[in-house]
């Protein structure tokens, strides 16, 4: 698909080819950035879950000590 799009853009002129090339590059960069963001979100979510579990265990231990 990308090759066909570039061929069509080249037939339309240099500016069309440059525009399509930049558009395709931008789309690839956005996909890569989104993948990195999803990994960061996943990692942070795991960290938050681990800290919450730790806090819950400390709180339950504190309740047992008070009872």
Protein backbone atom coordinates (compact mmCIF):
# COMPACT_ATOMS: atom_id res chain seq x y z
CA UNK A 1 0.00 0.00 0.00
CA UNK A 2 2.74 2.44 0.93
CA UNK A 3 4.62 1.74 -2.30
CA UNK A 4 1.51 2.37 -4.38
CA UNK A 5 0.80 5.57 -2.51
CA UNK A 6 4.36 6.81 -3.02
CA UNK A 7 4.24 5.92 -6.73
CA UNK A 8 1.02 7.89 -7.12
CA UNK A 9 2.50 10.83 -5.19
CA UNK A 10 5.65 10.83 -7.35
CA UNK A 11 3.45 10.98 -10.45
CA UNK A 12 1.74 14.05 -8.97
CA UNK A 13 5.00 15.90 -8.36
CA UNK A 14 7.80 16.44 -5.91
CA UNK A 15 5.70 18.23 -3.27
CA UNK A 16 3.10 15.48 -3.23
CA UNK A 17 5.84 12.86 -2.86
CA UNK A 18 7.45 14.79 -0.01
CA UNK A 19 4.10 15.23 1.71
CA UNK A 20 3.23 11.54 1.48
CA UNK A 21 6.73 10.56 2.60
CA UNK A 22 6.50 12.83 5.63
CA UNK A 23 2.99 11.62 6.41
CA UNK A 24 4.07 7.96 6.36
CA UNK A 25 7.14 8.72 8.49
CA UNK A 26 4.97 10.58 11.01
CA UNK A 27 2.52 7.68 11.24
CA UNK A 28 5.36 5.23 11.92
CA UNK A 29 6.82 7.51 14.60
CA UNK A 30 3.42 7.85 16.27
CA UNK A 31 2.99 4.08 16.37
CA UNK A 32 6.43 3.64 17.95
CA UNK A 33 5.73 6.36 20.52
CA UNK A 34 2.35 4.84 21.38
CA UNK A 35 4.00 1.47 21.94
CA UNK A 36 6.50 3.06 24.32
CA UNK A 37 3.71 4.89 26.17
CA UNK A 38 1.74 1.68 26.59
CA UNK A 39 4.80 -0.03 28.07
CA UNK A 40 5.33 2.87 30.47
CA UNK A 41 1.67 2.76 31.54
CA UNK A 42 1.89 -0.99 32.08
CA UNK A 43 5.06 -0.65 34.17
CA UNK A 44 3.63 2.17 36.27
CA UNK A 45 0.39 0.25 36.79
CA UNK A 46 2.34 -2.75 38.08
CA UNK A 47 4.31 -0.48 40.42
CA UNK A 48 1.17 1.12 41.79
CA UNK A 49 -0.44 -2.28 42.28
CA UNK A 50 2.64 -3.57 44.16
CA UNK A 51 2.72 -0.51 46.42
CA UNK A 52 -1.00 -0.77 47.09
CA UNK A 53 -0.62 -4.43 48.03
CA UNK A 54 2.21 -3.48 50.38
CA UNK A 55 0.12 -0.75 52.00
CA UNK A 56 -2.82 -3.11 52.40
CA UNK A 57 -0.63 -5.73 54.06
CA UNK A 58 0.82 -3.12 56.43
CA UNK A 59 -2.68 -1.87 57.27
CA UNK A 60 -4.00 -5.36 57.96
CA UNK A 61 -0.97 -6.13 60.13
CA UNK A 62 -1.62 -2.90 62.05
CA UNK A 63 -5.23 -3.87 62.62
CA UNK A 64 -4.20 -7.25 63.98
CA UNK A 65 -1.74 -5.61 66.36
CA UNK A 66 -4.44 -3.22 67.62
CA UNK A 67 -7.04 -5.98 68.19
